[in-house]
Amino acid sequence: MPGIKIGPYEVRFYEYDLAERPHAHVRRENKQAKFWLTPIELFQNKGYAEHELSRIERILGKNRKRLLELWEEEMKKR
């Protein structure tokens, strides 16, 4: 599935969960978090500290339009 690199983070979408509302998986090293994109909201965290989650949320907010465009592109391929 497609993804983009934003700073130190890899932001990805997975085909198996495109039936859910728009969201992104954010990975760095051995950490992963899942954020809903409408609105930007943490759903699941595996390993990130609270301050880093806040940073990721801000980054996703700044890039939300592009992330939603990528989500829609993947939905059209289904």
Protein backbone atom coordinates (compact mmCIF):
# COMPACT_ATOMS: atom_id res chain seq x y z
CA MET A 1 0.00 0.00 0.00
CA PRO A 2 1.12 3.54 -0.59
CA GLY A 3 2.82 5.62 1.96
CA ILE A 4 4.69 8.84 2.32
CA LYS A 5 7.60 9.90 4.45
CA ILE A 6 6.99 12.94 6.63
CA GLY A 7 10.05 13.84 8.65
CA PRO A 8 11.15 10.72 10.53
CA TYR A 9 7.73 9.08 10.12
CA GLU A 10 6.40 6.66 7.54
CA VAL A 11 2.69 7.24 7.01
CA ARG A 12 0.90 4.30 5.38
CA PHE A 13 -2.49 2.94 4.42
CA TYR A 14 -3.29 -0.77 4.33
CA GLU A 15 -5.62 -2.40 1.84
CA TYR A 16 -7.20 -4.70 4.41
CA ASP A 17 -8.69 -1.82 6.37
CA LEU A 18 -9.84 0.58 3.66
CA ALA A 19 -13.43 -0.27 4.64
CA GLU A 20 -12.90 1.74 7.83
CA ARG A 21 -13.19 5.51 7.95
CA PRO A 22 -10.11 7.38 6.64
CA HIS A 23 -7.07 6.80 8.80
CA ALA A 24 -3.31 6.44 8.63
CA HIS A 25 -0.74 4.23 10.30
CA VAL A 26 2.34 6.13 11.44
CA ARG A 27 5.54 4.15 11.92
CA ARG A 28 8.98 4.97 13.22
CA GLU A 29 11.50 2.38 14.31
CA ASN A 30 9.50 -0.20 16.28
CA LYS A 31 6.65 2.18 17.13
CA GLN A 32 3.27 2.46 15.43
CA ALA A 33 0.14 4.51 15.90
CA LYS A 34 -3.17 4.65 14.07
CA PHE A 35 -4.90 8.01 13.64
CA TRP A 36 -8.33 8.77 12.25
CA LEU A 37 -8.10 11.58 9.68
CA THR A 38 -11.64 12.98 9.97
CA PRO A 39 -11.12 14.47 12.49
CA ILE A 40 -7.47 13.91 13.39
CA GLU A 41 -7.69 11.66 16.42
CA LEU A 42 -5.50 8.95 17.93
CA PHE A 43 -7.06 5.50 17.75
CA GLN A 44 -4.23 3.19 18.78
CA ASN A 45 -0.68 3.61 20.06
CA LYS A 46 2.11 1.07 20.30
CA GLY A 47 5.24 2.60 21.76
CA TYR A 48 5.07 6.36 21.21
CA ALA A 49 5.45 8.76 24.14
CA GLU A 50 2.68 11.30 24.69
CA HIS A 51 4.77 14.27 23.48
CA GLU A 52 5.60 12.46 20.24
CA LEU A 53 1.93 11.62 19.65
CA SER A 54 1.15 15.33 19.92
CA ARG A 55 3.85 16.07 17.35
CA ILE A 56 2.49 13.41 14.99
CA GLU A 57 -1.02 14.79 15.37
CA ARG A 58 0.20 18.26 14.35
CA ILE A 59 2.08 16.81 11.37
CA LEU A 60 -1.00 14.88 10.23
CA GLY A 61 -3.11 18.01 10.58
CA LYS A 62 -0.72 19.98 8.37
CA ASN A 63 -0.74 17.19 5.76
CA ARG A 64 -4.37 16.12 6.12
CA LYS A 65 -5.49 17.25 2.66
CA ARG A 66 -2.78 15.22 0.92
CA LEU A 67 -3.38 12.19 3.13
CA LEU A 68 -7.10 12.24 2.35
CA GLU A 69 -6.29 12.50 -1.36
CA LEU A 70 -4.07 9.41 -1.07
CA TRP A 71 -6.85 7.61 0.80
CA GLU A 72 -9.35 8.43 -1.94
CA GLU A 73 -6.94 7.27 -4.65
CA GLU A 74 -6.66 3.90 -2.93
CA MET A 75 -10.43 3.62 -2.55
CA LYS A 76 -10.85 4.15 -6.31
CA LYS A 77 -8.53 1.22 -7.02
CA ARG A 78 -10.72 -1.22 -5.13
